[in-house]
Amino acid sequence: MPLLKLNTNVTLDTEQKSKMLGELSQLMSKETGKPERYVMISIAENNAMLFAGSAAPLAYLECKSIGLSSSQAKNLSASICQLLNTRFSIPQDRIYIEFSNCPADFWGWNGSTFG
């Protein structure tokens, strides 16, 4: 049920996308304590994006999960920002992450919900 959507203006090749999908999936599983079989990752790259009046490398992420705590959000923010800075040289102050704790009754899967 953890979902992480990455939107960036950085252009990634096929190998970079594939590797990042795997790294983010493992990171989300580890930080949320949820089995990786429920983790979904989406990457949209090479987007027209502007932040603080500049088109320099940046990222916007949406992170949603059932039972996401504020301490998990802080840990995820640190881990995700570090990873994007290391892999794609995106400065950490050019990364926004929106965190959402979704109620189990409002997360559908397999013809039902988790609630």
N, C-alpha and C. Protein backbone atom coordinates (compact mmCIF):
# COMPACT_ATOMS: atom_id res chain seq x y z
N MET A 1 0.78 -1.20 0.00
CA MET A 1 0.00 0.00 0.00
C MET A 1 0.82 1.27 0.00
N PRO A 2 2.11 1.24 0.37
CA PRO A 2 2.89 2.46 0.19
C PRO A 2 3.02 2.79 -1.30
N LEU A 3 2.80 4.06 -1.60
CA LEU A 3 2.92 4.56 -2.96
C LEU A 3 3.86 5.75 -2.96
N LEU A 4 4.84 5.74 -3.85
CA LEU A 4 5.75 6.87 -4.00
C LEU A 4 5.80 7.26 -5.46
N LYS A 5 5.44 8.50 -5.74
CA LYS A 5 5.49 9.05 -7.09
C LYS A 5 6.60 10.09 -7.13
N LEU A 6 7.54 9.90 -8.05
CA LEU A 6 8.65 10.83 -8.24
C LEU A 6 8.45 11.57 -9.55
N ASN A 7 8.42 12.89 -9.48
CA ASN A 7 8.38 13.75 -10.66
C ASN A 7 9.64 14.61 -10.63
N THR A 8 10.36 14.62 -11.75
CA THR A 8 11.59 15.39 -11.81
C THR A 8 11.80 15.96 -13.21
N ASN A 9 12.59 17.01 -13.28
CA ASN A 9 12.95 17.57 -14.58
C ASN A 9 14.26 16.99 -15.09
N VAL A 10 14.87 16.10 -14.32
CA VAL A 10 16.11 15.42 -14.72
C VAL A 10 15.75 14.33 -15.73
N THR A 11 16.57 14.19 -16.76
CA THR A 11 16.38 13.13 -17.75
C THR A 11 17.14 11.89 -17.29
N LEU A 12 16.43 10.76 -17.25
CA LEU A 12 17.03 9.50 -16.81
C LEU A 12 17.02 8.51 -17.95
N ASP A 13 18.09 7.75 -18.08
CA ASP A 13 18.08 6.70 -19.09
C ASP A 13 17.39 5.47 -18.52
N THR A 14 17.17 4.48 -19.35
CA THR A 14 16.43 3.28 -18.94
C THR A 14 17.07 2.60 -17.75
N GLU A 15 18.37 2.50 -17.73
CA GLU A 15 19.07 1.84 -16.63
C GLU A 15 18.92 2.63 -15.33
N GLN A 16 19.03 3.95 -15.41
CA GLN A 16 18.86 4.79 -14.22
C GLN A 16 17.45 4.65 -13.64
N LYS A 17 16.45 4.65 -14.51
CA LYS A 17 15.06 4.51 -14.05
C LYS A 17 14.85 3.17 -13.37
N SER A 18 15.33 2.12 -14.01
CA SER A 18 15.17 0.77 -13.47
C SER A 18 15.83 0.64 -12.10
N LYS A 19 17.04 1.13 -11.99
CA LYS A 19 17.76 1.06 -10.72
C LYS A 19 17.05 1.89 -9.64
N MET A 20 16.59 3.10 -10.01
CA MET A 20 15.92 3.96 -9.04
C MET A 20 14.60 3.34 -8.58
N LEU A 21 13.85 2.72 -9.49
CA LEU A 21 12.61 2.05 -9.10
C LEU A 21 12.89 1.03 -8.00
N GLY A 22 13.91 0.21 -8.21
CA GLY A 22 14.27 -0.82 -7.23
C GLY A 22 14.73 -0.24 -5.91
N GLU A 23 15.57 0.79 -5.98
CA GLU A 23 16.08 1.40 -4.75
C GLU A 23 14.96 2.06 -3.94
N LEU A 24 14.08 2.78 -4.63
CA LEU A 24 12.97 3.43 -3.93
C LEU A 24 11.99 2.40 -3.36
N SER A 25 11.77 1.31 -4.06
CA SER A 25 10.88 0.26 -3.57
C SER A 25 11.42 -0.34 -2.27
N GLN A 26 12.69 -0.65 -2.27
CA GLN A 26 13.31 -1.22 -1.07
C GLN A 26 13.32 -0.21 0.07
N LEU A 27 13.61 1.05 -0.25
CA LEU A 27 13.63 2.09 0.76
C LEU A 27 12.25 2.26 1.40
N MET A 28 11.20 2.31 0.58
CA MET A 28 9.84 2.46 1.10
C MET A 28 9.45 1.28 1.99
N SER A 29 9.79 0.08 1.57
CA SER A 29 9.48 -1.11 2.36
C SER A 29 10.19 -1.04 3.72
N LYS A 30 11.46 -0.71 3.69
CA LYS A 30 12.25 -0.65 4.92
C LYS A 30 11.73 0.43 5.86
N GLU A 31 11.51 1.64 5.34
CA GLU A 31 11.14 2.77 6.19
C GLU A 31 9.71 2.68 6.72
N THR A 32 8.80 2.06 5.96
CA THR A 32 7.41 1.95 6.41
C THR A 32 7.14 0.65 7.16
N GLY A 33 8.04 -0.33 7.02
CA GLY A 33 7.84 -1.63 7.64
C GLY A 33 6.80 -2.48 6.92
N LYS A 34 6.46 -2.10 5.69
CA LYS A 34 5.46 -2.83 4.90
C LYS A 34 6.18 -3.77 3.93
N PRO A 35 5.61 -4.93 3.64
CA PRO A 35 6.23 -5.85 2.69
C PRO A 35 6.37 -5.18 1.31
N GLU A 36 7.49 -5.43 0.67
CA GLU A 36 7.74 -4.82 -0.64
C GLU A 36 6.70 -5.25 -1.67
N ARG A 37 6.05 -6.37 -1.46
CA ARG A 37 5.04 -6.83 -2.42
C ARG A 37 3.86 -5.86 -2.51
N TYR A 38 3.71 -4.95 -1.52
CA TYR A 38 2.63 -3.97 -1.55
C TYR A 38 3.11 -2.58 -1.99
N VAL A 39 4.39 -2.39 -2.17
CA VAL A 39 4.96 -1.08 -2.50
C VAL A 39 4.83 -0.81 -3.99
N MET A 40 4.37 0.41 -4.33
CA MET A 40 4.27 0.84 -5.73
C MET A 40 5.09 2.12 -5.90
N ILE A 41 5.91 2.14 -6.96
CA ILE A 41 6.76 3.29 -7.27
C ILE A 41 6.45 3.74 -8.69
N SER A 42 6.38 5.05 -8.87
CA SER A 42 6.16 5.63 -10.19
C SER A 42 7.19 6.74 -10.40
N ILE A 43 7.80 6.76 -11.59
CA ILE A 43 8.77 7.81 -11.92
C ILE A 43 8.35 8.49 -13.21
N ALA A 44 8.22 9.80 -13.14
CA ALA A 44 7.98 10.62 -14.32
C ALA A 44 9.16 11.58 -14.41
N GLU A 45 9.95 11.42 -15.46
CA GLU A 45 11.17 12.22 -15.58
C GLU A 45 11.12 13.10 -16.82
N ASN A 46 12.09 14.01 -16.90
CA ASN A 46 12.21 14.95 -18.02
C ASN A 46 10.95 15.83 -18.14
N ASN A 47 10.34 16.17 -17.01
CA ASN A 47 9.15 17.02 -16.99
C ASN A 47 9.57 18.49 -17.05
N ALA A 48 8.72 19.31 -17.64
CA ALA A 48 8.92 20.76 -17.60
C ALA A 48 8.52 21.20 -16.20
N MET A 49 9.50 21.63 -15.40
CA MET A 49 9.26 22.00 -14.01
C MET A 49 10.10 23.22 -13.65
N LEU A 50 9.59 24.02 -12.74
CA LEU A 50 10.27 25.22 -12.27
C LEU A 50 10.11 25.30 -10.76
N PHE A 51 11.16 25.63 -10.06
CA PHE A 51 11.11 25.80 -8.61
C PHE A 51 11.97 26.99 -8.24
N ALA A 52 11.42 27.90 -7.46
CA ALA A 52 12.13 29.12 -7.05
C ALA A 52 12.63 29.90 -8.26
N GLY A 53 11.84 29.88 -9.34
CA GLY A 53 12.18 30.63 -10.55
C GLY A 53 13.29 30.03 -11.37
N SER A 54 13.67 28.77 -11.07
CA SER A 54 14.79 28.13 -11.75
C SER A 54 14.39 26.73 -12.25
N ALA A 55 14.91 26.38 -13.42
CA ALA A 55 14.69 25.05 -13.98
C ALA A 55 15.87 24.12 -13.67
N ALA A 56 16.72 24.49 -12.72
CA ALA A 56 17.81 23.61 -12.30
C ALA A 56 17.21 22.30 -11.77
N PRO A 57 18.00 21.23 -11.68
CA PRO A 57 17.47 19.94 -11.24
C PRO A 57 16.64 20.05 -9.96
N LEU A 58 15.45 19.40 -10.01
CA LEU A 58 14.52 19.43 -8.89
C LEU A 58 13.67 18.18 -8.89
N ALA A 59 12.96 17.96 -7.81
CA ALA A 59 12.05 16.82 -7.72
C ALA A 59 10.88 17.15 -6.81
N TYR A 60 9.73 16.61 -7.17
CA TYR A 60 8.54 16.66 -6.33
C TYR A 60 8.06 15.22 -6.18
N LEU A 61 7.81 14.81 -4.96
CA LEU A 61 7.36 13.45 -4.69
C LEU A 61 6.09 13.45 -3.88
N GLU A 62 5.25 12.45 -4.12
CA GLU A 62 4.07 12.19 -3.31
C GLU A 62 4.28 10.82 -2.67
N CYS A 63 4.17 10.79 -1.37
CA CYS A 63 4.37 9.56 -0.61
C CYS A 63 3.12 9.30 0.22
N LYS A 64 2.43 8.19 -0.07
CA LYS A 64 1.20 7.85 0.62
C LYS A 64 1.30 6.43 1.18
N SER A 65 0.73 6.27 2.36
CA SER A 65 0.72 4.94 2.95
C SER A 65 -0.30 4.89 4.08
N ILE A 66 -0.81 3.72 4.33
CA ILE A 66 -1.68 3.49 5.48
C ILE A 66 -0.80 3.50 6.73
N GLY A 67 -1.20 4.26 7.73
CA GLY A 67 -0.48 4.25 9.00
C GLY A 67 0.85 4.98 8.99
N LEU A 68 1.06 5.89 8.05
CA LEU A 68 2.32 6.63 7.97
C LEU A 68 2.42 7.59 9.15
N SER A 69 3.47 7.47 9.93
CA SER A 69 3.65 8.33 11.10
C SER A 69 4.55 9.52 10.75
N SER A 70 4.52 10.53 11.61
CA SER A 70 5.37 11.70 11.38
C SER A 70 6.85 11.34 11.48
N SER A 71 7.20 10.41 12.35
CA SER A 71 8.62 10.01 12.44
C SER A 71 9.05 9.24 11.18
N GLN A 72 8.15 8.42 10.63
CA GLN A 72 8.47 7.74 9.37
C GLN A 72 8.63 8.76 8.24
N ALA A 73 7.77 9.79 8.23
CA ALA A 73 7.86 10.83 7.20
C ALA A 73 9.21 11.54 7.28
N LYS A 74 9.66 11.87 8.49
CA LYS A 74 10.97 12.52 8.64
C LYS A 74 12.10 11.63 8.16
N ASN A 75 12.04 10.35 8.52
CA ASN A 75 13.08 9.41 8.08
C ASN A 75 13.06 9.23 6.57
N LEU A 76 11.85 9.13 6.00
CA LEU A 76 11.73 9.00 4.55
C LEU A 76 12.25 10.24 3.84
N SER A 77 11.95 11.41 4.37
CA SER A 77 12.42 12.65 3.76
C SER A 77 13.95 12.65 3.71
N ALA A 78 14.58 12.32 4.81
CA ALA A 78 16.05 12.28 4.86
C ALA A 78 16.61 11.26 3.87
N SER A 79 16.04 10.06 3.87
CA SER A 79 16.55 8.99 2.99
C SER A 79 16.34 9.29 1.52
N ILE A 80 15.14 9.78 1.17
CA ILE A 80 14.83 10.08 -0.23
C ILE A 80 15.69 11.23 -0.74
N CYS A 81 15.78 12.30 0.05
CA CYS A 81 16.59 13.45 -0.37
C CYS A 81 18.06 13.05 -0.57
N GLN A 82 18.58 12.25 0.34
CA GLN A 82 19.97 11.79 0.22
C GLN A 82 20.15 10.96 -1.06
N LEU A 83 19.22 10.06 -1.32
CA LEU A 83 19.31 9.20 -2.49
C LEU A 83 19.26 10.02 -3.79
N LEU A 84 18.31 10.95 -3.89
CA LEU A 84 18.19 11.76 -5.11
C LEU A 84 19.38 12.68 -5.29
N ASN A 85 19.93 13.17 -4.20
CA ASN A 85 21.13 14.01 -4.29
C ASN A 85 22.33 13.19 -4.76
N THR A 86 22.48 11.99 -4.21
CA THR A 86 23.61 11.13 -4.56
C THR A 86 23.52 10.63 -6.00
N ARG A 87 22.34 10.17 -6.42
CA ARG A 87 22.18 9.57 -7.74
C ARG A 87 22.08 10.59 -8.88
N PHE A 88 21.39 11.72 -8.63
CA PHE A 88 21.08 12.64 -9.73
C PHE A 88 21.53 14.07 -9.47
N SER A 89 22.28 14.29 -8.39
CA SER A 89 22.80 15.61 -8.03
C SER A 89 21.70 16.66 -7.88
N ILE A 90 20.54 16.23 -7.40
CA ILE A 90 19.47 17.17 -7.11
C ILE A 90 19.72 17.71 -5.70
N PRO A 91 19.93 19.02 -5.56
CA PRO A 91 20.15 19.57 -4.22
C PRO A 91 18.95 19.27 -3.32
N GLN A 92 19.22 18.94 -2.08
CA GLN A 92 18.15 18.57 -1.16
C GLN A 92 17.17 19.71 -0.92
N ASP A 93 17.62 20.96 -1.09
CA ASP A 93 16.70 22.08 -0.91
C ASP A 93 15.89 22.38 -2.18
N ARG A 94 15.99 21.49 -3.18
CA ARG A 94 15.18 21.59 -4.39
C ARG A 94 14.28 20.35 -4.53
N ILE A 95 13.99 19.74 -3.39
CA ILE A 95 13.14 18.55 -3.35
C ILE A 95 11.98 18.82 -2.39
N TYR A 96 10.77 18.67 -2.90
CA TYR A 96 9.57 18.72 -2.06
C TYR A 96 8.97 17.32 -2.00
N ILE A 97 8.52 16.93 -0.83
CA ILE A 97 7.85 15.65 -0.65
C ILE A 97 6.54 15.88 0.10
N GLU A 98 5.45 15.43 -0.49
CA GLU A 98 4.14 15.52 0.16
C GLU A 98 3.82 14.15 0.76
N PHE A 99 3.63 14.10 2.06
CA PHE A 99 3.32 12.85 2.76
C PHE A 99 1.84 12.79 3.10
N SER A 100 1.24 11.63 2.93
CA SER A 100 -0.17 11.42 3.28
C SER A 100 -0.33 10.10 4.01
N ASN A 101 -1.06 10.15 5.12
CA ASN A 101 -1.43 8.95 5.86
C ASN A 101 -2.86 8.64 5.46
N CYS A 102 -3.03 7.62 4.65
CA CYS A 102 -4.35 7.28 4.12
C CYS A 102 -5.05 6.26 5.03
N PRO A 103 -6.32 6.49 5.37
CA PRO A 103 -7.07 5.50 6.15
C PRO A 103 -7.21 4.19 5.36
N ALA A 104 -7.11 3.08 6.06
CA ALA A 104 -7.19 1.76 5.42
C ALA A 104 -8.49 1.57 4.64
N ASP A 105 -9.57 2.17 5.11
CA ASP A 105 -10.87 2.06 4.43
C ASP A 105 -10.89 2.77 3.07
N PHE A 106 -9.92 3.66 2.85
CA PHE A 106 -9.88 4.43 1.61
C PHE A 106 -8.72 4.03 0.72
N TRP A 107 -8.20 2.83 0.91
CA TRP A 107 -7.13 2.32 0.06
C TRP A 107 -7.60 1.00 -0.52
N GLY A 108 -7.93 1.01 -1.81
CA GLY A 108 -8.44 -0.18 -2.46
C GLY A 108 -7.34 -1.08 -2.99
N TRP A 109 -7.63 -2.36 -2.99
CA TRP A 109 -6.71 -3.36 -3.53
C TRP A 109 -7.46 -4.69 -3.67
N ASN A 110 -7.23 -5.38 -4.74
CA ASN A 110 -7.73 -6.73 -4.93
C ASN A 110 -9.26 -6.82 -4.77
N GLY A 111 -9.96 -5.81 -5.29
CA GLY A 111 -11.41 -5.82 -5.26
C GLY A 111 -12.05 -5.39 -3.95
N SER A 112 -11.24 -4.93 -3.00
CA SER A 112 -11.77 -4.50 -1.72
C SER A 112 -10.91 -3.35 -1.21
N THR A 113 -10.87 -3.17 0.10
CA THR A 113 -9.99 -2.19 0.71
C THR A 113 -9.21 -2.88 1.83
N PHE A 114 -8.24 -2.16 2.39
CA PHE A 114 -7.45 -2.72 3.49
C PHE A 114 -8.17 -2.54 4.84
N GLY A 115 -9.31 -1.84 4.84
CA GLY A 115 -10.00 -1.56 6.11
C GLY A 115 -11.06 -2.57 6.43
